[in-house]
Amino acid sequence: MNWELYEVWSVDEDGAEDLVDTTASLKEARAIAEANLTEYYVECIIYAENPEGELIEIERIQGL
């Protein structure tokens, strides 16, 4: 069985990243990222963990 873990990180206006949540669903990761965009958090990054445990960037969601 192939299992992936997605991490959602928020990026503040100064460029610092904070872990928001982890999930096994890319759809849920996108929803978490979109809900976390505020005036303070200007971008969210979704990473997937590869089999070696490294994080690979899947997509970036930016606020308006």
PDB file of N, CA and C in Angstrom:
ATOM      1  N   MET A   1       0.838  -1.176   0.000  1.00  0.00           N
ATOM      2  CA  MET A   1       0.000   0.000   0.000  1.00  0.00           C
ATOM      3  C   MET A   1       0.889   1.247   0.000  1.00  0.00           C
ATOM      4  N   ASN A   2       0.604   2.169  -0.918  1.00  0.00           N
ATOM      5  CA  ASN A   2       1.371   3.402  -1.017  1.00  0.00           C
ATOM      6  C   ASN A   2       0.715   4.466  -0.143  1.00  0.00           C
ATOM      7  N   TRP A   3       1.488   5.030   0.758  1.00  0.00           N
ATOM      8  CA  TRP A   3       0.959   5.973   1.732  1.00  0.00           C
ATOM      9  C   TRP A   3       1.827   7.210   1.711  1.00  0.00           C
ATOM     10  N   GLU A   4       1.207   8.378   1.607  1.00  0.00           N
ATOM     11  CA  GLU A   4       1.962   9.623   1.614  1.00  0.00           C
ATOM     12  C   GLU A   4       1.504  10.510   2.757  1.00  0.00           C
ATOM     13  N   LEU A   5       2.439  11.280   3.257  1.00  0.00           N
ATOM     14  CA  LEU A   5       2.152  12.248   4.306  1.00  0.00           C
ATOM     15  C   LEU A   5       2.409  13.632   3.738  1.00  0.00           C
ATOM     16  N   TYR A   6       1.458  14.536   3.923  1.00  0.00           N
ATOM     17  CA  TYR A   6       1.590  15.910   3.458  1.00  0.00           C
ATOM     18  C   TYR A   6       1.710  16.831   4.657  1.00  0.00           C
ATOM     19  N   GLU A   7       2.625  17.780   4.562  1.00  0.00           N
ATOM     20  CA  GLU A   7       2.788  18.785   5.604  1.00  0.00           C
ATOM     21  C   GLU A   7       2.404  20.137   5.019  1.00  0.00           C
ATOM     22  N   VAL A   8       1.649  20.902   5.776  1.00  0.00           N
ATOM     23  CA  VAL A   8       1.260  22.250   5.367  1.00  0.00           C
ATOM     24  C   VAL A   8       2.033  23.236   6.237  1.00  0.00           C
ATOM     25  N   TRP A   9       2.782  24.116   5.590  1.00  0.00           N
ATOM     26  CA  TRP A   9       3.580  25.132   6.276  1.00  0.00           C
ATOM     27  C   TRP A   9       3.073  26.500   5.867  1.00  0.00           C
ATOM     28  N   SER A  10       2.950  27.397   6.827  1.00  0.00           N
ATOM     29  CA  SER A  10       2.568  28.772   6.516  1.00  0.00           C
ATOM     30  C   SER A  10       3.818  29.633   6.497  1.00  0.00           C
ATOM     31  N   VAL A  11       3.796  30.650   5.634  1.00  0.00           N
ATOM     32  CA  VAL A  11       4.912  31.571   5.496  1.00  0.00           C
ATOM     33  C   VAL A  11       4.403  32.955   5.871  1.00  0.00           C
ATOM     34  N   ASP A  12       5.059  33.580   6.863  1.00  0.00           N
ATOM     35  CA  ASP A  12       4.607  34.906   7.277  1.00  0.00           C
ATOM     36  C   ASP A  12       5.222  35.986   6.390  1.00  0.00           C
ATOM     37  N   GLU A  13       4.855  37.219   6.655  1.00  0.00           N
ATOM     38  CA  GLU A  13       5.302  38.333   5.825  1.00  0.00           C
ATOM     39  C   GLU A  13       6.815  38.558   5.892  1.00  0.00           C
ATOM     40  N   ASP A  14       7.473  37.989   6.892  1.00  0.00           N
ATOM     41  CA  ASP A  14       8.932  38.093   7.009  1.00  0.00           C
ATOM     42  C   ASP A  14       9.652  36.902   6.385  1.00  0.00           C
ATOM     43  N   GLY A  15       8.895  35.918   5.865  1.00  0.00           N
ATOM     44  CA  GLY A  15       9.477  34.746   5.222  1.00  0.00           C
ATOM     45  C   GLY A  15       9.712  33.562   6.137  1.00  0.00           C
ATOM     46  N   ALA A  16       9.344  33.672   7.404  1.00  0.00           N
ATOM     47  CA  ALA A  16       9.506  32.552   8.342  1.00  0.00           C
ATOM     48  C   ALA A  16       8.403  31.522   8.114  1.00  0.00           C
ATOM     49  N   GLU A  17       8.781  30.251   8.159  1.00  0.00           N
ATOM     50  CA  GLU A  17       7.828  29.156   7.956  1.00  0.00           C
ATOM     51  C   GLU A  17       7.453  28.522   9.291  1.00  0.00           C
ATOM     52  N   ASP A  18       6.159  28.189   9.440  1.00  0.00           N
ATOM     53  CA  ASP A  18       5.648  27.493  10.620  1.00  0.00           C
ATOM     54  C   ASP A  18       4.813  26.308  10.167  1.00  0.00           C
ATOM     55  N   LEU A  19       5.031  25.160  10.799  1.00  0.00           N
ATOM     56  CA  LEU A  19       4.223  23.981  10.499  1.00  0.00           C
ATOM     57  C   LEU A  19       2.808  24.200  11.006  1.00  0.00           C
ATOM     58  N   VAL A  20       1.824  23.988  10.113  1.00  0.00           N
ATOM     59  CA  VAL A  20       0.421  24.166  10.477  1.00  0.00           C
ATOM     60  C   VAL A  20      -0.201  22.827  10.839  1.00  0.00           C
ATOM     61  N   ASP A  21      -0.050  21.838   9.946  1.00  0.00           N
ATOM     62  CA  ASP A  21      -0.711  20.548  10.157  1.00  0.00           C
ATOM     63  C   ASP A  21      -0.122  19.515   9.214  1.00  0.00           C
ATOM     64  N   THR A  22      -0.405  18.244   9.485  1.00  0.00           N
ATOM     65  CA  THR A  22      -0.041  17.147   8.591  1.00  0.00           C
ATOM     66  C   THR A  22      -1.295  16.339   8.300  1.00  0.00           C
ATOM     67  N   THR A  23      -1.326  15.728   7.125  1.00  0.00           N
ATOM     68  CA  THR A  23      -2.479  14.930   6.726  1.00  0.00           C
ATOM     69  C   THR A  23      -2.050  13.921   5.665  1.00  0.00           C
ATOM     70  N   ALA A  24      -2.849  12.890   5.486  1.00  0.00           N
ATOM     71  CA  ALA A  24      -2.588  11.892   4.452  1.00  0.00           C
ATOM     72  C   ALA A  24      -3.325  12.226   3.159  1.00  0.00           C
ATOM     73  N   SER A  25      -4.063  13.333   3.137  1.00  0.00           N
ATOM     74  CA  SER A  25      -4.882  13.708   1.985  1.00  0.00           C
ATOM     75  C   SER A  25      -4.395  15.020   1.372  1.00  0.00           C
ATOM     76  N   LEU A  26      -4.070  15.011   0.084  1.00  0.00           N
ATOM     77  CA  LEU A  26      -3.661  16.235  -0.600  1.00  0.00           C
ATOM     78  C   LEU A  26      -4.823  17.221  -0.670  1.00  0.00           C
ATOM     79  N   LYS A  27      -6.022  16.716  -0.865  1.00  0.00           N
ATOM     80  CA  LYS A  27      -7.205  17.582  -0.898  1.00  0.00           C
ATOM     81  C   LYS A  27      -7.374  18.313   0.437  1.00  0.00           C
ATOM     82  N   GLU A  28      -7.213  17.588   1.533  1.00  0.00           N
ATOM     83  CA  GLU A  28      -7.319  18.196   2.861  1.00  0.00           C
ATOM     84  C   GLU A  28      -6.177  19.182   3.093  1.00  0.00           C
ATOM     85  N   ALA A  29      -4.981  18.856   2.619  1.00  0.00           N
ATOM     86  CA  ALA A  29      -3.834  19.762   2.764  1.00  0.00           C
ATOM     87  C   ALA A  29      -4.117  21.081   2.054  1.00  0.00           C
ATOM     88  N   ARG A  30      -4.703  21.025   0.870  1.00  0.00           N
ATOM     89  CA  ARG A  30      -5.049  22.256   0.143  1.00  0.00           C
ATOM     90  C   ARG A  30      -6.086  23.073   0.908  1.00  0.00           C
ATOM     91  N   ALA A  31      -7.070  22.414   1.479  1.00  0.00           N
ATOM     92  CA  ALA A  31      -8.106  23.117   2.246  1.00  0.00           C
ATOM     93  C   ALA A  31      -7.502  23.777   3.490  1.00  0.00           C
ATOM     94  N   ILE A  32      -6.605  23.087   4.163  1.00  0.00           N
ATOM     95  CA  ILE A  32      -5.938  23.640   5.346  1.00  0.00           C
ATOM     96  C   ILE A  32      -5.114  24.863   4.948  1.00  0.00           C
ATOM     97  N   ALA A  33      -4.390  24.747   3.849  1.00  0.00           N
ATOM     98  CA  ALA A  33      -3.552  25.851   3.381  1.00  0.00           C
ATOM     99  C   ALA A  33      -4.392  27.081   3.055  1.00  0.00           C
ATOM    100  N   GLU A  34      -5.472  26.884   2.319  1.00  0.00           N
ATOM    101  CA  GLU A  34      -6.324  28.015   1.939  1.00  0.00           C
ATOM    102  C   GLU A  34      -6.969  28.666   3.157  1.00  0.00           C
ATOM    103  N   ALA A  35      -7.349  27.865   4.127  1.00  0.00           N
ATOM    104  CA  ALA A  35      -7.982  28.407   5.334  1.00  0.00           C
ATOM    105  C   ALA A  35      -6.985  29.164   6.212  1.00  0.00           C
ATOM    106  N   ASN A  36      -5.703  28.874   6.060  1.00  0.00           N
ATOM    107  CA  ASN A  36      -4.691  29.477   6.915  1.00  0.00           C
ATOM    108  C   ASN A  36      -4.126  30.787   6.357  1.00  0.00           C
ATOM    109  N   LEU A  37      -4.513  31.165   5.147  1.00  0.00           N
ATOM    110  CA  LEU A  37      -4.020  32.422   4.578  1.00  0.00           C
ATOM    111  C   LEU A  37      -4.712  33.594   5.258  1.00  0.00           C
ATOM    112  N   THR A  38      -3.906  34.515   5.780  1.00  0.00           N
ATOM    113  CA  THR A  38      -4.410  35.707   6.455  1.00  0.00           C
ATOM    114  C   THR A  38      -3.541  36.884   6.018  1.00  0.00           C
ATOM    115  N   GLU A  39      -3.753  38.021   6.635  1.00  0.00           N
ATOM    116  CA  GLU A  39      -2.877  39.161   6.363  1.00  0.00           C
ATOM    117  C   GLU A  39      -1.460  38.875   6.847  1.00  0.00           C
ATOM    118  N   TYR A  40      -1.339  38.083   7.925  1.00  0.00           N
ATOM    119  CA  TYR A  40      -0.032  37.763   8.490  1.00  0.00           C
ATOM    120  C   TYR A  40       0.645  36.624   7.736  1.00  0.00           C
ATOM    121  N   TYR A  41      -0.107  35.578   7.435  1.00  0.00           N
ATOM    122  CA  TYR A  41       0.428  34.450   6.663  1.00  0.00           C
ATOM    123  C   TYR A  41       0.065  34.659   5.205  1.00  0.00           C
ATOM    124  N   VAL A  42       1.061  35.034   4.417  1.00  0.00           N
ATOM    125  CA  VAL A  42       0.827  35.443   3.038  1.00  0.00           C
ATOM    126  C   VAL A  42       0.913  34.293   2.045  1.00  0.00           C
ATOM    127  N   GLU A  43       1.417  33.141   2.501  1.00  0.00           N
ATOM    128  CA  GLU A  43       1.602  32.005   1.609  1.00  0.00           C
ATOM    129  C   GLU A  43       1.617  30.720   2.428  1.00  0.00           C
ATOM    130  N   CYS A  44       1.162  29.640   1.817  1.00  0.00           N
ATOM    131  CA  CYS A  44       1.281  28.318   2.427  1.00  0.00           C
ATOM    132  C   CYS A  44       1.953  27.386   1.433  1.00  0.00           C
ATOM    133  N   ILE A  45       2.790  26.504   1.952  1.00  0.00           N
ATOM    134  CA  ILE A  45       3.506  25.538   1.127  1.00  0.00           C
ATOM    135  C   ILE A  45       3.086  24.136   1.559  1.00  0.00           C
ATOM    136  N   ILE A  46       2.794  23.302   0.572  1.00  0.00           N
ATOM    137  CA  ILE A  46       2.449  21.904   0.842  1.00  0.00           C
ATOM    138  C   ILE A  46       3.639  21.050   0.417  1.00  0.00           C
ATOM    139  N   TYR A  47       4.121  20.252   1.361  1.00  0.00           N
ATOM    140  CA  TYR A  47       5.222  19.336   1.108  1.00  0.00           C
ATOM    141  C   TYR A  47       4.713  17.906   1.219  1.00  0.00           C
ATOM    142  N   ALA A  48       5.319  17.001   0.447  1.00  0.00           N
ATOM    143  CA  ALA A  48       5.067  15.565   0.586  1.00  0.00           C
ATOM    144  C   ALA A  48       6.362  14.922   1.060  1.00  0.00           C
ATOM    145  N   GLU A  49       6.238  13.954   1.924  1.00  0.00           N
ATOM    146  CA  GLU A  49       7.412  13.244   2.414  1.00  0.00           C
ATOM    147  C   GLU A  49       7.706  12.066   1.503  1.00  0.00           C
ATOM    148  N   ASN A  50       8.942  11.982   0.983  1.00  0.00           N
ATOM    149  CA  ASN A  50       9.304  10.863   0.122  1.00  0.00           C
ATOM    150  C   ASN A  50       9.725   9.661   0.976  1.00  0.00           C
ATOM    151  N   PRO A  51       9.950   8.497   0.363  1.00  0.00           N
ATOM    152  CA  PRO A  51      10.299   7.296   1.143  1.00  0.00           C
ATOM    153  C   PRO A  51      11.554   7.439   2.002  1.00  0.00           C
ATOM    154  N   GLU A  52      12.466   8.341   1.627  1.00  0.00           N
ATOM    155  CA  GLU A  52      13.679   8.554   2.416  1.00  0.00           C
ATOM    156  C   GLU A  52      13.456   9.526   3.565  1.00  0.00           C
ATOM    157  N   GLY A  53      12.241  10.059   3.687  1.00  0.00           N
ATOM    158  CA  GLY A  53      11.925  10.976   4.766  1.00  0.00           C
ATOM    159  C   GLY A  53      12.179  12.442   4.444  1.00  0.00           C
ATOM    160  N   GLU A  54      12.567  12.735   3.199  1.00  0.00           N
ATOM    161  CA  GLU A  54      12.807  14.123   2.783  1.00  0.00           C
ATOM    162  C   GLU A  54      11.496  14.758   2.345  1.00  0.00           C
ATOM    163  N   LEU A  55      11.395  16.070   2.546  1.00  0.00           N
ATOM    164  CA  LEU A  55      10.203  16.797   2.123  1.00  0.00           C
ATOM    165  C   LEU A  55      10.392  17.355   0.719  1.00  0.00           C
ATOM    166  N   ILE A  56       9.416  17.112  -0.139  1.00  0.00           N
ATOM    167  CA  ILE A  56       9.421  17.594  -1.512  1.00  0.00           C
ATOM    168  C   ILE A  56       8.275  18.593  -1.644  1.00  0.00           C
ATOM    169  N   GLU A  57       8.564  19.778  -2.154  1.00  0.00           N
ATOM    170  CA  GLU A  57       7.515  20.782  -2.319  1.00  0.00           C
ATOM    171  C   GLU A  57       6.538  20.350  -3.414  1.00  0.00           C
ATOM    172  N   ILE A  58       5.248  20.341  -3.069  1.00  0.00           N
ATOM    173  CA  ILE A  58       4.197  19.970  -4.022  1.00  0.00           C
ATOM    174  C   ILE A  58       3.604  21.225  -4.663  1.00  0.00           C
ATOM    175  N   GLU A  59       3.215  22.188  -3.849  1.00  0.00           N
ATOM    176  CA  GLU A  59       2.675  23.434  -4.384  1.00  0.00           C
ATOM    177  C   GLU A  59       2.694  24.541  -3.344  1.00  0.00           C
ATOM    178  N   ARG A  60       2.584  25.771  -3.853  1.00  0.00           N
ATOM    179  CA  ARG A  60       2.496  26.968  -3.014  1.00  0.00           C
ATOM    180  C   ARG A  60       1.166  27.634  -3.295  1.00  0.00           C
ATOM    181  N   ILE A  61       0.503  28.043  -2.228  1.00  0.00           N
ATOM    182  CA  ILE A  61      -0.779  28.749  -2.344  1.00  0.00           C
ATOM    183  C   ILE A  61      -0.569  30.119  -1.736  1.00  0.00           C
ATOM    184  N   GLN A  62      -0.818  31.161  -2.532  1.00  0.00           N
ATOM    185  CA  GLN A  62      -0.585  32.519  -2.085  1.00  0.00           C
ATOM    186  C   GLN A  62      -1.893  33.232  -1.822  1.00  0.00           C
ATOM    187  N   GLY A  63      -1.850  34.125  -0.838  1.00  0.00           N
ATOM    188  CA  GLY A  63      -3.013  34.945  -0.529  1.00  0.00           C
ATOM    189  C   GLY A  63      -3.153  36.086  -1.523  1.00  0.00           C
ATOM    190  N   LEU A  64      -4.242  36.789  -1.417  1.00  0.00           N
ATOM    191  CA  LEU A  64      -4.492  37.903  -2.341  1.00  0.00           C
ATOM    192  C   LEU A  64      -3.787  39.153  -1.935  1.00  0.00           C
TER     193      LEU A  64
END
